[in-house]
Amino acid sequence: MNDIEARAVRDKCISDIRKWTNHTKEGYQRAKKDLRYFDTLWKYLSSIIYSLEKKSETQELDEYEQDFIKMVKYVGPLYRIHLKYKCKDKNYGIKETEHYLSWTKNPKCTNIYWVHSGVKYLIITANATPEVFGINLVGLSDFLRKHEVECGGFLFGAPSLNTEEEVVFPLKMDFVTKLELKKL
């Protein structure tokens, strides 16, 4: 990744991730047009990872490139909480989508500020794979800080982002490993 590409990533991320992370987790869902808009960012970041992985097959990556893959690409278990679900419907009425959504890599995801005591909820467990991976927002924040990328005063590592350990990943039933009703 050269300096021009790095600046483009930075500029796109600063503006768009601010909008993404400032969205309420309670209340209304993101509109389809907003999800499509954000998908361009997540797909752009994914394309950089794919390009760097391809490059690594024939060339050695520099530290910056290695860190980008290591810190931003997420492979492993993911968790998503739904407060609105339908007990009698198949998959509790959860509909898959090609759009990226907010997930957490934190298995104790009920420590999130918007999950209140006494609330019944559905926890969706999925698995991000090396081929279909998530974008780790805390990892991206750490990458930008480590490499001293100027963020215009915006702190990606806001307390709620760090607590949630947010990863963006599509909700596809092929990757869902468990649906479980719980009460906090």
C-alpha atoms as a PDB file:
ATOM      1  CA  MET A   1       0.000   0.000   0.000  1.00  0.00           C
ATOM      2  CA  ASN A   2       1.543   3.328  -1.008  1.00  0.00           C
ATOM      3  CA  ASP A   3       1.065   6.707   0.686  1.00  0.00           C
ATOM      4  CA  ILE A   4      -1.686   7.826  -1.677  1.00  0.00           C
ATOM      5  CA  GLU A   5      -3.679   4.641  -1.053  1.00  0.00           C
ATOM      6  CA  ALA A   6      -3.117   4.982   2.687  1.00  0.00           C
ATOM      7  CA  ARG A   7      -4.428   8.573   2.671  1.00  0.00           C
ATOM      8  CA  ALA A   8      -7.475   7.498   0.661  1.00  0.00           C
ATOM      9  CA  VAL A   9      -8.219   4.730   3.173  1.00  0.00           C
ATOM     10  CA  ARG A  10      -7.772   7.174   6.046  1.00  0.00           C
ATOM     11  CA  ASP A  11     -10.023   9.839   4.567  1.00  0.00           C
ATOM     12  CA  LYS A  12     -12.775   7.389   3.660  1.00  0.00           C
ATOM     13  CA  CYS A  13     -12.601   5.678   7.033  1.00  0.00           C
ATOM     14  CA  ILE A  14     -12.649   8.828   9.123  1.00  0.00           C
ATOM     15  CA  SER A  15     -15.817  10.138   7.546  1.00  0.00           C
ATOM     16  CA  ASP A  16     -17.712   6.891   7.120  1.00  0.00           C
ATOM     17  CA  ILE A  17     -16.792   5.083  10.317  1.00  0.00           C
ATOM     18  CA  ARG A  18     -17.802   8.160  12.298  1.00  0.00           C
ATOM     19  CA  LYS A  19     -21.242   7.894  10.676  1.00  0.00           C
ATOM     20  CA  TRP A  20     -21.379   4.111  11.220  1.00  0.00           C
ATOM     21  CA  THR A  21     -20.400   4.157  14.906  1.00  0.00           C
ATOM     22  CA  ASN A  22     -22.640   7.130  15.731  1.00  0.00           C
ATOM     23  CA  HIS A  23     -25.746   5.165  14.696  1.00  0.00           C
ATOM     24  CA  THR A  24     -27.909   4.134  17.611  1.00  0.00           C
ATOM     25  CA  LYS A  25     -28.091   0.416  18.336  1.00  0.00           C
ATOM     26  CA  GLU A  26     -31.547   0.877  19.789  1.00  0.00           C
ATOM     27  CA  GLY A  27     -34.545   2.017  17.821  1.00  0.00           C
ATOM     28  CA  TYR A  28     -34.685   2.178  14.049  1.00  0.00           C
ATOM     29  CA  GLN A  29     -32.587   0.077  11.714  1.00  0.00           C
ATOM     30  CA  ARG A  30     -30.314   1.547   9.098  1.00  0.00           C
ATOM     31  CA  ALA A  31     -32.062   2.233   5.807  1.00  0.00           C
ATOM     32  CA  LYS A  32     -31.176  -0.019   2.853  1.00  0.00           C
ATOM     33  CA  LYS A  33     -29.624   2.942   1.005  1.00  0.00           C
ATOM     34  CA  ASP A  34     -27.403   3.648   4.031  1.00  0.00           C
ATOM     35  CA  LEU A  35     -26.370  -0.001   4.227  1.00  0.00           C
ATOM     36  CA  ARG A  36     -25.475   0.062   0.516  1.00  0.00           C
ATOM     37  CA  TYR A  37     -23.450   3.224   1.095  1.00  0.00           C
ATOM     38  CA  PHE A  38     -21.487   1.670   3.962  1.00  0.00           C
ATOM     39  CA  ASP A  39     -21.051  -1.568   2.020  1.00  0.00           C
ATOM     40  CA  THR A  40     -18.806   0.383  -0.366  1.00  0.00           C
ATOM     41  CA  LEU A  41     -16.454   1.116   2.532  1.00  0.00           C
ATOM     42  CA  TRP A  42     -16.409  -2.432   3.879  1.00  0.00           C
ATOM     43  CA  LYS A  43     -15.913  -3.855   0.380  1.00  0.00           C
ATOM     44  CA  TYR A  44     -13.144  -1.341  -0.280  1.00  0.00           C
ATOM     45  CA  LEU A  45     -11.306  -2.367   2.903  1.00  0.00           C
ATOM     46  CA  SER A  46     -11.873  -6.045   2.023  1.00  0.00           C
ATOM     47  CA  SER A  47     -10.455  -5.463  -1.458  1.00  0.00           C
ATOM     48  CA  ILE A  48      -7.301  -3.984   0.050  1.00  0.00           C
ATOM     49  CA  ILE A  49      -6.910  -7.083   2.229  1.00  0.00           C
ATOM     50  CA  TYR A  50      -7.492  -9.388  -0.757  1.00  0.00           C
ATOM     51  CA  SER A  51      -4.964  -7.410  -2.834  1.00  0.00           C
ATOM     52  CA  LEU A  52      -2.347  -7.519  -0.096  1.00  0.00           C
ATOM     53  CA  GLU A  53      -2.855 -11.243   0.415  1.00  0.00           C
ATOM     54  CA  LYS A  54      -2.453 -11.787  -3.327  1.00  0.00           C
ATOM     55  CA  LYS A  55       0.663  -9.603  -3.345  1.00  0.00           C
ATOM     56  CA  SER A  56       2.114 -11.651  -0.460  1.00  0.00           C
ATOM     57  CA  GLU A  57       2.107 -14.734  -2.714  1.00  0.00           C
ATOM     58  CA  THR A  58       4.871 -13.218  -4.853  1.00  0.00           C
ATOM     59  CA  GLN A  59       6.411 -10.451  -2.717  1.00  0.00           C
ATOM     60  CA  GLU A  60       7.215  -9.806   0.886  1.00  0.00           C
ATOM     61  CA  LEU A  61       4.866  -7.315   2.488  1.00  0.00           C
ATOM     62  CA  ASP A  62       6.234  -4.406   4.485  1.00  0.00           C
ATOM     63  CA  GLU A  63       5.300  -3.996   8.150  1.00  0.00           C
ATOM     64  CA  TYR A  64       2.524  -1.525   7.316  1.00  0.00           C
ATOM     65  CA  GLU A  65       0.874  -3.972   4.893  1.00  0.00           C
ATOM     66  CA  GLN A  66       1.299  -6.953   7.221  1.00  0.00           C
ATOM     67  CA  ASP A  67      -0.227  -4.988  10.083  1.00  0.00           C
ATOM     68  CA  PHE A  68      -3.188  -3.923   7.959  1.00  0.00           C
ATOM     69  CA  ILE A  69      -4.088  -7.550   7.263  1.00  0.00           C
ATOM     70  CA  LYS A  70      -3.348  -8.732  10.797  1.00  0.00           C
ATOM     71  CA  MET A  71      -5.231  -5.918  12.549  1.00  0.00           C
ATOM     72  CA  VAL A  72      -8.183  -5.258  10.227  1.00  0.00           C
ATOM     73  CA  LYS A  73      -9.088  -8.732   8.922  1.00  0.00           C
ATOM     74  CA  TYR A  74     -11.163 -10.687  11.425  1.00  0.00           C
ATOM     75  CA  VAL A  75     -11.553 -14.463  11.289  1.00  0.00           C
ATOM     76  CA  GLY A  76     -13.322 -16.326  14.088  1.00  0.00           C
ATOM     77  CA  PRO A  77     -16.526 -16.376  16.126  1.00  0.00           C
ATOM     78  CA  LEU A  78     -18.902 -13.409  16.021  1.00  0.00           C
ATOM     79  CA  TYR A  79     -21.972 -12.544  18.072  1.00  0.00           C
ATOM     80  CA  ARG A  80     -24.983 -10.381  17.306  1.00  0.00           C
ATOM     81  CA  ILE A  81     -27.869  -9.511  19.595  1.00  0.00           C
ATOM     82  CA  HIS A  82     -31.418  -9.059  18.333  1.00  0.00           C
ATOM     83  CA  LEU A  83     -33.987  -7.629  20.687  1.00  0.00           C
ATOM     84  CA  LYS A  84     -36.696  -8.026  18.038  1.00  0.00           C
ATOM     85  CA  TYR A  85     -37.348 -11.602  17.001  1.00  0.00           C
ATOM     86  CA  LYS A  86     -40.300 -13.938  16.376  1.00  0.00           C
ATOM     87  CA  CYS A  87     -40.322 -17.059  18.530  1.00  0.00           C
ATOM     88  CA  LYS A  88     -42.615 -19.055  16.240  1.00  0.00           C
ATOM     89  CA  ASP A  89     -40.901 -18.225  12.951  1.00  0.00           C
ATOM     90  CA  LYS A  90     -38.121 -20.188  11.311  1.00  0.00           C
ATOM     91  CA  ASN A  91     -34.767 -18.804  12.525  1.00  0.00           C
ATOM     92  CA  TYR A  92     -36.776 -16.557  14.877  1.00  0.00           C
ATOM     93  CA  GLY A  93     -37.717 -14.412  11.887  1.00  0.00           C
ATOM     94  CA  ILE A  94     -34.117 -13.366  11.299  1.00  0.00           C
ATOM     95  CA  LYS A  95     -33.570 -12.552   7.658  1.00  0.00           C
ATOM     96  CA  GLU A  96     -30.192 -12.848   6.068  1.00  0.00           C
ATOM     97  CA  THR A  97     -28.772  -9.933   4.137  1.00  0.00           C
ATOM     98  CA  GLU A  98     -25.854  -9.292   1.831  1.00  0.00           C
ATOM     99  CA  HIS A  99     -25.187  -6.043   3.711  1.00  0.00           C
ATOM    100  CA  TYR A 100     -22.556  -5.732   6.381  1.00  0.00           C
ATOM    101  CA  LEU A 101     -23.969  -5.323   9.890  1.00  0.00           C
ATOM    102  CA  SER A 102     -22.548  -4.711  13.355  1.00  0.00           C
ATOM    103  CA  TRP A 103     -21.320  -7.792  15.219  1.00  0.00           C
ATOM    104  CA  THR A 104     -19.033  -8.236  18.196  1.00  0.00           C
ATOM    105  CA  LYS A 105     -16.144 -10.601  18.744  1.00  0.00           C
ATOM    106  CA  ASN A 106     -16.837 -10.427  22.489  1.00  0.00           C
ATOM    107  CA  PRO A 107     -18.584 -13.628  23.676  1.00  0.00           C
ATOM    108  CA  LYS A 108     -19.801 -11.686  26.744  1.00  0.00           C
ATOM    109  CA  CYS A 109     -21.613  -9.305  24.429  1.00  0.00           C
ATOM    110  CA  THR A 110     -24.368  -8.624  26.951  1.00  0.00           C
ATOM    111  CA  ASN A 111     -22.015  -6.138  28.654  1.00  0.00           C
ATOM    112  CA  ILE A 112     -22.921  -3.707  25.871  1.00  0.00           C
ATOM    113  CA  TYR A 113     -24.557  -0.473  27.037  1.00  0.00           C
ATOM    114  CA  TRP A 114     -27.868  -0.992  25.210  1.00  0.00           C
ATOM    115  CA  VAL A 115     -28.644  -4.469  26.633  1.00  0.00           C
ATOM    116  CA  HIS A 116     -30.607  -3.896  29.826  1.00  0.00           C
ATOM    117  CA  SER A 117     -31.272  -6.189  32.768  1.00  0.00           C
ATOM    118  CA  GLY A 118     -34.416  -8.300  32.422  1.00  0.00           C
ATOM    119  CA  VAL A 119     -34.472  -8.051  28.633  1.00  0.00           C
ATOM    120  CA  LYS A 120     -35.094 -11.141  26.515  1.00  0.00           C
ATOM    121  CA  TYR A 121     -32.918 -11.305  23.452  1.00  0.00           C
ATOM    122  CA  LEU A 122     -31.724 -13.558  20.670  1.00  0.00           C
ATOM    123  CA  ILE A 123     -28.006 -14.094  20.341  1.00  0.00           C
ATOM    124  CA  ILE A 124     -26.778 -15.077  16.901  1.00  0.00           C
ATOM    125  CA  THR A 125     -23.396 -16.770  16.710  1.00  0.00           C
ATOM    126  CA  ALA A 126     -21.591 -16.881  13.384  1.00  0.00           C
ATOM    127  CA  ASN A 127     -18.130 -17.722  12.148  1.00  0.00           C
ATOM    128  CA  ALA A 128     -16.083 -15.446   9.890  1.00  0.00           C
ATOM    129  CA  THR A 129     -13.739 -17.468   7.685  1.00  0.00           C
ATOM    130  CA  PRO A 130     -10.441 -16.637   5.965  1.00  0.00           C
ATOM    131  CA  GLU A 131     -12.378 -16.355   2.691  1.00  0.00           C
ATOM    132  CA  VAL A 132     -15.396 -14.450   4.063  1.00  0.00           C
ATOM    133  CA  PHE A 133     -13.967 -12.376   6.887  1.00  0.00           C
ATOM    134  CA  GLY A 134     -15.134  -9.471   9.008  1.00  0.00           C
ATOM    135  CA  ILE A 135     -13.685  -5.972   9.243  1.00  0.00           C
ATOM    136  CA  ASN A 136     -12.418  -5.382  12.780  1.00  0.00           C
ATOM    137  CA  LEU A 137     -13.170  -1.747  13.657  1.00  0.00           C
ATOM    138  CA  VAL A 138     -11.105  -1.782  16.855  1.00  0.00           C
ATOM    139  CA  GLY A 139      -8.262  -3.363  14.874  1.00  0.00           C
ATOM    140  CA  LEU A 140      -8.571  -0.621  12.263  1.00  0.00           C
ATOM    141  CA  SER A 141      -8.440   2.003  14.996  1.00  0.00           C
ATOM    142  CA  ASP A 142      -5.355   0.319  16.492  1.00  0.00           C
ATOM    143  CA  PHE A 143      -3.729   0.154  13.047  1.00  0.00           C
ATOM    144  CA  LEU A 144      -4.278   3.877  12.461  1.00  0.00           C
ATOM    145  CA  ARG A 145      -2.858   4.765  15.886  1.00  0.00           C
ATOM    146  CA  LYS A 146       0.119   2.402  15.568  1.00  0.00           C
ATOM    147  CA  HIS A 147       1.097   3.871  12.235  1.00  0.00           C
ATOM    148  CA  GLU A 148       0.307   7.404  13.411  1.00  0.00           C
ATOM    149  CA  VAL A 149      -2.212   8.034  10.691  1.00  0.00           C
ATOM    150  CA  GLU A 150      -3.708  11.475  11.279  1.00  0.00           C
ATOM    151  CA  CYS A 151      -7.400  11.071  12.081  1.00  0.00           C
ATOM    152  CA  GLY A 152      -8.396  14.719  12.224  1.00  0.00           C
ATOM    153  CA  GLY A 153      -8.904  14.556  15.987  1.00  0.00           C
ATOM    154  CA  PHE A 154     -11.417  11.705  15.683  1.00  0.00           C
ATOM    155  CA  LEU A 155     -10.817   8.840  18.077  1.00  0.00           C
ATOM    156  CA  PHE A 156     -11.918   5.570  16.495  1.00  0.00           C
ATOM    157  CA  GLY A 157     -11.405   3.804  19.794  1.00  0.00           C
ATOM    158  CA  ALA A 158     -14.388   5.396  21.498  1.00  0.00           C
ATOM    159  CA  PRO A 159     -15.347   3.584  24.727  1.00  0.00           C
ATOM    160  CA  SER A 160     -18.482   2.049  23.211  1.00  0.00           C
ATOM    161  CA  LEU A 161     -16.525   0.761  20.192  1.00  0.00           C
ATOM    162  CA  ASN A 162     -13.904  -0.821  22.455  1.00  0.00           C
ATOM    163  CA  THR A 163     -16.515  -2.370  24.764  1.00  0.00           C
ATOM    164  CA  GLU A 164     -18.459  -3.786  21.847  1.00  0.00           C
ATOM    165  CA  GLU A 165     -15.303  -4.966  20.036  1.00  0.00           C
ATOM    166  CA  GLU A 166     -17.216  -4.228  16.846  1.00  0.00           C
ATOM    167  CA  VAL A 167     -16.672  -6.188  13.669  1.00  0.00           C
ATOM    168  CA  VAL A 168     -18.733  -5.654  10.522  1.00  0.00           C
ATOM    169  CA  PHE A 169     -19.864  -8.804   8.740  1.00  0.00           C
ATOM    170  CA  PRO A 170     -22.886  -9.805   6.634  1.00  0.00           C
ATOM    171  CA  LEU A 171     -25.727 -11.766   8.203  1.00  0.00           C
ATOM    172  CA  LYS A 172     -25.720 -14.942   6.086  1.00  0.00           C
ATOM    173  CA  MET A 173     -27.306 -18.097   7.462  1.00  0.00           C
ATOM    174  CA  ASP A 174     -24.471 -20.167   5.920  1.00  0.00           C
ATOM    175  CA  PHE A 175     -22.138 -18.656   8.524  1.00  0.00           C
ATOM    176  CA  VAL A 176     -24.555 -18.778  11.488  1.00  0.00           C
ATOM    177  CA  THR A 177     -23.625 -21.557  13.884  1.00  0.00           C
ATOM    178  CA  LYS A 178     -26.161 -20.961  16.642  1.00  0.00           C
ATOM    179  CA  LEU A 179     -29.377 -19.075  17.473  1.00  0.00           C
ATOM    180  CA  GLU A 180     -30.115 -18.890  21.185  1.00  0.00           C
ATOM    181  CA  LEU A 181     -32.802 -17.113  23.224  1.00  0.00           C
ATOM    182  CA  LYS A 182     -31.597 -15.633  26.505  1.00  0.00           C
ATOM    183  CA  LYS A 183     -32.716 -13.314  29.260  1.00  0.00           C
ATOM    184  CA  LEU A 184     -30.337 -10.970  31.012  1.00  0.00           C
END
